[in-house]
Amino acid sequence: MTVCSRVNWLIPQLGATLKGMQAESLAPVFEARQIPFAYITKPEELFDDPHLQQSVGLGRQVLEDGSETPMPLLPISIDGERL
């Protein structure tokens, strides 16, 4: 069983739990509990986000032409593996 197949329930559960909450009220809670998060207003801002940089939250994606580009990873590890 792959890591992804073990967490198919997680994203819908997070969505249901966090729905209607404001980022401003969640940020202090996440910070206090050391839960990775980021304020993101534009996709291109992901690549400069300090949390992603510090947590090794950017992986490398190889494109069809053989070049590589950074790719944000989900901020979750299960059994020591990033998704």
PDB file of N, CA and C in Angstrom:
ATOM      1  N   MET A   1       0.846  -1.169   0.000  1.00  0.00           N
ATOM      2  CA  MET A   1       0.000   0.000   0.000  1.00  0.00           C
ATOM      3  C   MET A   1       0.900   1.244   0.000  1.00  0.00           C
ATOM      4  N   THR A   2       0.632   2.161  -0.902  1.00  0.00           N
ATOM      5  CA  THR A   2       1.435   3.382  -0.997  1.00  0.00           C
ATOM      6  C   THR A   2       1.011   4.402   0.053  1.00  0.00           C
ATOM      7  N   VAL A   3       1.907   5.357   0.302  1.00  0.00           N
ATOM      8  CA  VAL A   3       1.594   6.421   1.254  1.00  0.00           C
ATOM      9  C   VAL A   3       0.350   7.176   0.794  1.00  0.00           C
ATOM     10  N   CYS A   4       0.279   7.487  -0.504  1.00  0.00           N
ATOM     11  CA  CYS A   4      -0.878   8.246  -1.017  1.00  0.00           C
ATOM     12  C   CYS A   4      -2.183   7.499  -0.799  1.00  0.00           C
ATOM     13  N   SER A   5      -2.180   6.196  -1.016  1.00  0.00           N
ATOM     14  CA  SER A   5      -3.431   5.460  -0.849  1.00  0.00           C
ATOM     15  C   SER A   5      -3.841   5.373   0.618  1.00  0.00           C
ATOM     16  N   ARG A   6      -2.885   5.521   1.528  1.00  0.00           N
ATOM     17  CA  ARG A   6      -3.217   5.483   2.951  1.00  0.00           C
ATOM     18  C   ARG A   6      -3.795   6.799   3.450  1.00  0.00           C
ATOM     19  N   VAL A   7      -3.692   7.874   2.664  1.00  0.00           N
ATOM     20  CA  VAL A   7      -4.171   9.180   3.142  1.00  0.00           C
ATOM     21  C   VAL A   7      -5.251   9.782   2.253  1.00  0.00           C
ATOM     22  N   ASN A   8      -5.902   8.994   1.450  1.00  0.00           N
ATOM     23  CA  ASN A   8      -6.973   9.516   0.593  1.00  0.00           C
ATOM     24  C   ASN A   8      -8.059  10.218   1.400  1.00  0.00           C
ATOM     25  N   TRP A   9      -8.240   9.868   2.633  1.00  0.00           N
ATOM     26  CA  TRP A   9      -9.237  10.469   3.513  1.00  0.00           C
ATOM     27  C   TRP A   9      -8.786  11.823   4.045  1.00  0.00           C
ATOM     28  N   LEU A  10      -7.488  12.104   4.041  1.00  0.00           N
ATOM     29  CA  LEU A  10      -6.950  13.243   4.768  1.00  0.00           C
ATOM     30  C   LEU A  10      -7.369  14.599   4.201  1.00  0.00           C
ATOM     31  N   ILE A  11      -7.220  14.806   2.907  1.00  0.00           N
ATOM     32  CA  ILE A  11      -7.524  16.115   2.324  1.00  0.00           C
ATOM     33  C   ILE A  11      -8.999  16.478   2.502  1.00  0.00           C
ATOM     34  N   PRO A  12      -9.942  15.576   2.222  1.00  0.00           N
ATOM     35  CA  PRO A  12     -11.343  15.927   2.482  1.00  0.00           C
ATOM     36  C   PRO A  12     -11.613  16.208   3.965  1.00  0.00           C
ATOM     37  N   GLN A  13     -10.976  15.469   4.850  1.00  0.00           N
ATOM     38  CA  GLN A  13     -11.168  15.687   6.289  1.00  0.00           C
ATOM     39  C   GLN A  13     -10.620  17.054   6.699  1.00  0.00           C
ATOM     40  N   LEU A  14      -9.439  17.412   6.199  1.00  0.00           N
ATOM     41  CA  LEU A  14      -8.883  18.734   6.496  1.00  0.00           C
ATOM     42  C   LEU A  14      -9.789  19.839   5.964  1.00  0.00           C
ATOM     43  N   GLY A  15     -10.278  19.659   4.750  1.00  0.00           N
ATOM     44  CA  GLY A  15     -11.185  20.651   4.164  1.00  0.00           C
ATOM     45  C   GLY A  15     -12.428  20.849   5.008  1.00  0.00           C
ATOM     46  N   ALA A  16     -13.016  19.764   5.450  1.00  0.00           N
ATOM     47  CA  ALA A  16     -14.231  19.851   6.267  1.00  0.00           C
ATOM     48  C   ALA A  16     -13.936  20.496   7.624  1.00  0.00           C
ATOM     49  N   THR A  17     -12.798  20.185   8.196  1.00  0.00           N
ATOM     50  CA  THR A  17     -12.435  20.716   9.511  1.00  0.00           C
ATOM     51  C   THR A  17     -12.124  22.210   9.445  1.00  0.00           C
ATOM     52  N   LEU A  18     -11.423  22.637   8.408  1.00  0.00           N
ATOM     53  CA  LEU A  18     -10.953  24.023   8.321  1.00  0.00           C
ATOM     54  C   LEU A  18     -11.927  24.957   7.602  1.00  0.00           C
ATOM     55  N   LYS A  19     -12.951  24.409   6.987  1.00  0.00           N
ATOM     56  CA  LYS A  19     -13.903  25.222   6.230  1.00  0.00           C
ATOM     57  C   LYS A  19     -14.493  26.320   7.111  1.00  0.00           C
ATOM     58  N   GLY A  20     -14.482  27.523   6.597  1.00  0.00           N
ATOM     59  CA  GLY A  20     -15.064  28.642   7.306  1.00  0.00           C
ATOM     60  C   GLY A  20     -14.140  29.315   8.308  1.00  0.00           C
ATOM     61  N   MET A  21     -12.980  28.730   8.565  1.00  0.00           N
ATOM     62  CA  MET A  21     -12.029  29.353   9.487  1.00  0.00           C
ATOM     63  C   MET A  21     -11.191  30.379   8.737  1.00  0.00           C
ATOM     64  N   GLN A  22     -10.745  31.402   9.432  1.00  0.00           N
ATOM     65  CA  GLN A  22      -9.933  32.450   8.835  1.00  0.00           C
ATOM     66  C   GLN A  22      -8.454  32.172   9.070  1.00  0.00           C
ATOM     67  N   ALA A  23      -7.635  32.440   8.060  1.00  0.00           N
ATOM     68  CA  ALA A  23      -6.198  32.214   8.155  1.00  0.00           C
ATOM     69  C   ALA A  23      -5.589  32.959   9.339  1.00  0.00           C
ATOM     70  N   GLU A  24      -6.082  34.166   9.603  1.00  0.00           N
ATOM     71  CA  GLU A  24      -5.530  34.972  10.687  1.00  0.00           C
ATOM     72  C   GLU A  24      -5.710  34.308  12.050  1.00  0.00           C
ATOM     73  N   SER A  25      -6.780  33.542  12.219  1.00  0.00           N
ATOM     74  CA  SER A  25      -6.988  32.870  13.504  1.00  0.00           C
ATOM     75  C   SER A  25      -6.269  31.520  13.557  1.00  0.00           C
ATOM     76  N   LEU A  26      -6.048  30.907  12.409  1.00  0.00           N
ATOM     77  CA  LEU A  26      -5.356  29.620  12.382  1.00  0.00           C
ATOM     78  C   LEU A  26      -3.844  29.758  12.507  1.00  0.00           C
ATOM     79  N   ALA A  27      -3.287  30.832  11.976  1.00  0.00           N
ATOM     80  CA  ALA A  27      -1.830  30.995  11.950  1.00  0.00           C
ATOM     81  C   ALA A  27      -1.201  30.876  13.335  1.00  0.00           C
ATOM     82  N   PRO A  28      -1.688  31.572  14.358  1.00  0.00           N
ATOM     83  CA  PRO A  28      -1.055  31.441  15.676  1.00  0.00           C
ATOM     84  C   PRO A  28      -1.157  30.025  16.251  1.00  0.00           C
ATOM     85  N   VAL A  29      -2.255  29.351  15.963  1.00  0.00           N
ATOM     86  CA  VAL A  29      -2.433  27.979  16.436  1.00  0.00           C
ATOM     87  C   VAL A  29      -1.425  27.066  15.749  1.00  0.00           C
ATOM     88  N   PHE A  30      -1.303  27.194  14.427  1.00  0.00           N
ATOM     89  CA  PHE A  30      -0.347  26.378  13.684  1.00  0.00           C
ATOM     90  C   PHE A  30       1.085  26.658  14.134  1.00  0.00           C
ATOM     91  N   GLU A  31       1.418  27.929  14.308  1.00  0.00           N
ATOM     92  CA  GLU A  31       2.768  28.297  14.760  1.00  0.00           C
ATOM     93  C   GLU A  31       3.070  27.669  16.114  1.00  0.00           C
ATOM     94  N   ALA A  32       2.147  27.785  17.060  1.00  0.00           N
ATOM     95  CA  ALA A  32       2.362  27.265  18.409  1.00  0.00           C
ATOM     96  C   ALA A  32       2.549  25.752  18.411  1.00  0.00           C
ATOM     97  N   ARG A  33       1.895  25.082  17.485  1.00  0.00           N
ATOM     98  CA  ARG A  33       1.976  23.616  17.421  1.00  0.00           C
ATOM     99  C   ARG A  33       2.978  23.125  16.385  1.00  0.00           C
ATOM    100  N   GLN A  34       3.721  24.066  15.796  1.00  0.00           N
ATOM    101  CA  GLN A  34       4.742  23.767  14.789  1.00  0.00           C
ATOM    102  C   GLN A  34       4.172  22.977  13.614  1.00  0.00           C
ATOM    103  N   ILE A  35       2.983  23.396  13.159  1.00  0.00           N
ATOM    104  CA  ILE A  35       2.353  22.800  11.986  1.00  0.00           C
ATOM    105  C   ILE A  35       2.731  23.660  10.777  1.00  0.00           C
ATOM    106  N   PRO A  36       3.343  23.078   9.757  1.00  0.00           N
ATOM    107  CA  PRO A  36       3.736  23.883   8.595  1.00  0.00           C
ATOM    108  C   PRO A  36       2.522  24.503   7.898  1.00  0.00           C
ATOM    109  N   PHE A  37       2.653  25.761   7.527  1.00  0.00           N
ATOM    110  CA  PHE A  37       1.615  26.456   6.787  1.00  0.00           C
ATOM    111  C   PHE A  37       2.256  27.650   6.104  1.00  0.00           C
ATOM    112  N   ALA A  38       1.521  28.257   5.211  1.00  0.00           N
ATOM    113  CA  ALA A  38       2.023  29.461   4.554  1.00  0.00           C
ATOM    114  C   ALA A  38       0.849  30.294   4.069  1.00  0.00           C
ATOM    115  N   TYR A  39       1.024  31.610   4.137  1.00  0.00           N
ATOM    116  CA  TYR A  39       0.084  32.513   3.487  1.00  0.00           C
ATOM    117  C   TYR A  39       0.523  32.586   2.032  1.00  0.00           C
ATOM    118  N   ILE A  40      -0.337  32.238   1.137  1.00  0.00           N
ATOM    119  CA  ILE A  40       0.011  32.276  -0.281  1.00  0.00           C
ATOM    120  C   ILE A  40      -1.098  33.008  -1.017  1.00  0.00           C
ATOM    121  N   THR A  41      -0.721  34.046  -1.715  1.00  0.00           N
ATOM    122  CA  THR A  41      -1.719  34.786  -2.468  1.00  0.00           C
ATOM    123  C   THR A  41      -1.574  34.551  -3.966  1.00  0.00           C
ATOM    124  N   LYS A  42      -0.378  34.209  -4.402  1.00  0.00           N
ATOM    125  CA  LYS A  42      -0.130  33.927  -5.817  1.00  0.00           C
ATOM    126  C   LYS A  42       0.732  32.670  -5.921  1.00  0.00           C
ATOM    127  N   PRO A  43       0.469  31.807  -6.892  1.00  0.00           N
ATOM    128  CA  PRO A  43       1.245  30.566  -7.003  1.00  0.00           C
ATOM    129  C   PRO A  43       2.757  30.784  -7.054  1.00  0.00           C
ATOM    130  N   GLU A  44       3.206  31.815  -7.737  1.00  0.00           N
ATOM    131  CA  GLU A  44       4.645  32.024  -7.856  1.00  0.00           C
ATOM    132  C   GLU A  44       5.299  32.392  -6.517  1.00  0.00           C
ATOM    133  N   GLU A  45       4.509  32.794  -5.527  1.00  0.00           N
ATOM    134  CA  GLU A  45       5.066  33.118  -4.215  1.00  0.00           C
ATOM    135  C   GLU A  45       5.459  31.880  -3.414  1.00  0.00           C
ATOM    136  N   LEU A  46       4.976  30.714  -3.829  1.00  0.00           N
ATOM    137  CA  LEU A  46       5.346  29.470  -3.157  1.00  0.00           C
ATOM    138  C   LEU A  46       6.854  29.272  -3.103  1.00  0.00           C
ATOM    139  N   PHE A  47       7.537  29.615  -4.172  1.00  0.00           N
ATOM    140  CA  PHE A  47       8.946  29.290  -4.303  1.00  0.00           C
ATOM    141  C   PHE A  47       9.837  30.116  -3.387  1.00  0.00           C
ATOM    142  N   ASP A  48       9.327  31.220  -2.854  1.00  0.00           N
ATOM    143  CA  ASP A  48      10.080  32.057  -1.929  1.00  0.00           C
ATOM    144  C   ASP A  48       9.573  31.939  -0.491  1.00  0.00           C
ATOM    145  N   ASP A  49       8.623  31.055  -0.246  1.00  0.00           N
ATOM    146  CA  ASP A  49       8.033  30.932   1.073  1.00  0.00           C
ATOM    147  C   ASP A  49       9.038  30.361   2.071  1.00  0.00           C
ATOM    148  N   PRO A  50       9.271  31.050   3.192  1.00  0.00           N
ATOM    149  CA  PRO A  50      10.261  30.583   4.173  1.00  0.00           C
ATOM    150  C   PRO A  50       9.951  29.211   4.762  1.00  0.00           C
ATOM    151  N   HIS A  51       8.665  28.915   4.999  1.00  0.00           N
ATOM    152  CA  HIS A  51       8.324  27.605   5.549  1.00  0.00           C
ATOM    153  C   HIS A  51       8.694  26.493   4.578  1.00  0.00           C
ATOM    154  N   LEU A  52       8.408  26.686   3.310  1.00  0.00           N
ATOM    155  CA  LEU A  52       8.768  25.660   2.330  1.00  0.00           C
ATOM    156  C   LEU A  52      10.276  25.509   2.228  1.00  0.00           C
ATOM    157  N   GLN A  53      10.984  26.606   2.264  1.00  0.00           N
ATOM    158  CA  GLN A  53      12.439  26.557   2.183  1.00  0.00           C
ATOM    159  C   GLN A  53      13.030  25.833   3.396  1.00  0.00           C
ATOM    160  N   GLN A  54      12.551  26.149   4.587  1.00  0.00           N
ATOM    161  CA  GLN A  54      13.100  25.568   5.816  1.00  0.00           C
ATOM    162  C   GLN A  54      12.726  24.102   5.993  1.00  0.00           C
ATOM    163  N   SER A  55      11.578  23.713   5.488  1.00  0.00           N
ATOM    164  CA  SER A  55      11.104  22.340   5.703  1.00  0.00           C
ATOM    165  C   SER A  55      11.402  21.420   4.525  1.00  0.00           C
ATOM    166  N   VAL A  56      12.187  21.884   3.598  1.00  0.00           N
ATOM    167  CA  VAL A  56      12.463  21.131   2.373  1.00  0.00           C
ATOM    168  C   VAL A  56      11.136  20.760   1.715  1.00  0.00           C
ATOM    169  N   GLY A  57      10.258  21.746   1.617  1.00  0.00           N
ATOM    170  CA  GLY A  57       8.919  21.533   1.079  1.00  0.00           C
ATOM    171  C   GLY A  57       8.811  21.672  -0.423  1.00  0.00           C
ATOM    172  N   LEU A  58       9.956  21.853  -1.089  1.00  0.00           N
ATOM    173  CA  LEU A  58       9.963  21.890  -2.553  1.00  0.00           C
ATOM    174  C   LEU A  58      10.735  20.689  -3.075  1.00  0.00           C
ATOM    175  N   GLY A  59      10.085  19.916  -3.915  1.00  0.00           N
ATOM    176  CA  GLY A  59      10.752  18.801  -4.574  1.00  0.00           C
ATOM    177  C   GLY A  59      11.167  19.227  -5.973  1.00  0.00           C
ATOM    178  N   ARG A  60      11.793  18.333  -6.696  1.00  0.00           N
ATOM    179  CA  ARG A  60      12.201  18.602  -8.071  1.00  0.00           C
ATOM    180  C   ARG A  60      11.338  17.757  -9.003  1.00  0.00           C
ATOM    181  N   GLN A  61      10.782  18.383 -10.005  1.00  0.00           N
ATOM    182  CA  GLN A  61       9.966  17.695 -11.001  1.00  0.00           C
ATOM    183  C   GLN A  61      10.724  17.713 -12.321  1.00  0.00           C
ATOM    184  N   VAL A  62      10.928  16.540 -12.903  1.00  0.00           N
ATOM    185  CA  VAL A  62      11.569  16.455 -14.207  1.00  0.00           C
ATOM    186  C   VAL A  62      10.486  16.583 -15.273  1.00  0.00           C
ATOM    187  N   LEU A  63      10.680  17.536 -16.180  1.00  0.00           N
ATOM    188  CA  LEU A  63       9.717  17.780 -17.250  1.00  0.00           C
ATOM    189  C   LEU A  63      10.010  16.897 -18.450  1.00  0.00           C
ATOM    190  N   GLU A  64       9.083  16.847 -19.384  1.00  0.00           N
ATOM    191  CA  GLU A  64       9.222  15.987 -20.555  1.00  0.00           C
ATOM    192  C   GLU A  64      10.493  16.251 -21.355  1.00  0.00           C
ATOM    193  N   ASP A  65      10.949  17.505 -21.363  1.00  0.00           N
ATOM    194  CA  ASP A  65      12.153  17.838 -22.127  1.00  0.00           C
ATOM    195  C   ASP A  65      13.440  17.558 -21.349  1.00  0.00           C
ATOM    196  N   GLY A  66      13.313  16.984 -20.140  1.00  0.00           N
ATOM    197  CA  GLY A  66      14.471  16.647 -19.325  1.00  0.00           C
ATOM    198  C   GLY A  66      14.889  17.741 -18.358  1.00  0.00           C
ATOM    199  N   SER A  67      14.334  18.932 -18.503  1.00  0.00           N
ATOM    200  CA  SER A  67      14.656  20.014 -17.562  1.00  0.00           C
ATOM    201  C   SER A  67      13.939  19.756 -16.236  1.00  0.00           C
ATOM    202  N   GLU A  68      14.371  20.453 -15.197  1.00  0.00           N
ATOM    203  CA  GLU A  68      13.765  20.303 -13.876  1.00  0.00           C
ATOM    204  C   GLU A  68      13.169  21.617 -13.411  1.00  0.00           C
ATOM    205  N   THR A  69      12.152  21.510 -12.585  1.00  0.00           N
ATOM    206  CA  THR A  69      11.516  22.685 -11.991  1.00  0.00           C
ATOM    207  C   THR A  69      11.150  22.355 -10.548  1.00  0.00           C
ATOM    208  N   PRO A  70      11.167  23.345  -9.665  1.00  0.00           N
ATOM    209  CA  PRO A  70      10.725  23.064  -8.295  1.00  0.00           C
ATOM    210  C   PRO A  70       9.225  22.780  -8.271  1.00  0.00           C
ATOM    211  N   MET A  71       8.819  21.921  -7.350  1.00  0.00           N
ATOM    212  CA  MET A  71       7.416  21.544  -7.212  1.00  0.00           C
ATOM    213  C   MET A  71       7.078  21.501  -5.726  1.00  0.00           C
ATOM    214  N   PRO A  72       6.067  22.235  -5.275  1.00  0.00           N
ATOM    215  CA  PRO A  72       5.708  22.190  -3.857  1.00  0.00           C
ATOM    216  C   PRO A  72       5.194  20.804  -3.468  1.00  0.00           C
ATOM    217  N   LEU A  73       5.622  20.342  -2.324  1.00  0.00           N
ATOM    218  CA  LEU A  73       5.163  19.067  -1.775  1.00  0.00           C
ATOM    219  C   LEU A  73       4.116  19.345  -0.709  1.00  0.00           C
ATOM    220  N   LEU A  74       3.244  18.402  -0.466  1.00  0.00           N
ATOM    221  CA  LEU A  74       2.301  18.546   0.633  1.00  0.00           C
ATOM    222  C   LEU A  74       3.094  18.593   1.932  1.00  0.00           C
ATOM    223  N   PRO A  75       2.689  19.409   2.896  1.00  0.00           N
ATOM    224  CA  PRO A  75       3.457  19.548   4.138  1.00  0.00           C
ATOM    225  C   PRO A  75       3.172  18.436   5.127  1.00  0.00           C
ATOM    226  N   ILE A  76       3.214  17.196   4.636  1.00  0.00           N
ATOM    227  CA  ILE A  76       2.863  16.051   5.459  1.00  0.00           C
ATOM    228  C   ILE A  76       3.895  14.963   5.244  1.00  0.00           C
ATOM    229  N   SER A  77       4.310  14.319   6.323  1.00  0.00           N
ATOM    230  CA  SER A  77       5.158  13.131   6.251  1.00  0.00           C
ATOM    231  C   SER A  77       4.435  11.990   6.935  1.00  0.00           C
ATOM    232  N   ILE A  78       4.454  10.842   6.310  1.00  0.00           N
ATOM    233  CA  ILE A  78       3.872   9.642   6.908  1.00  0.00           C
ATOM    234  C   ILE A  78       4.924   8.551   6.804  1.00  0.00           C
ATOM    235  N   ASP A  79       5.202   7.938   7.907  1.00  0.00           N
ATOM    236  CA  ASP A  79       6.267   6.924   7.971  1.00  0.00           C
ATOM    237  C   ASP A  79       7.573   7.483   7.425  1.00  0.00           C
ATOM    238  N   GLY A  80       7.823   8.781   7.678  1.00  0.00           N
ATOM    239  CA  GLY A  80       9.074   9.411   7.263  1.00  0.00           C
ATOM    240  C   GLY A  80       9.140   9.786   5.803  1.00  0.00           C
ATOM    241  N   GLU A  81       8.063   9.614   5.058  1.00  0.00           N
ATOM    242  CA  GLU A  81       8.047   9.932   3.622  1.00  0.00           C
ATOM    243  C   GLU A  81       7.194  11.160   3.366  1.00  0.00           C
ATOM    244  N   ARG A  82       7.729  12.089   2.551  1.00  0.00           N
ATOM    245  CA  ARG A  82       6.925  13.228   2.097  1.00  0.00           C
ATOM    246  C   ARG A  82       6.009  12.755   0.991  1.00  0.00           C
ATOM    247  N   LEU A  83       4.805  13.287   0.957  1.00  0.00           N
ATOM    248  CA  LEU A  83       3.864  12.909  -0.101  1.00  0.00           C
ATOM    249  C   LEU A  83       4.157  13.660  -1.366  1.00  0.00           C
TER     250      LEU A  83
END
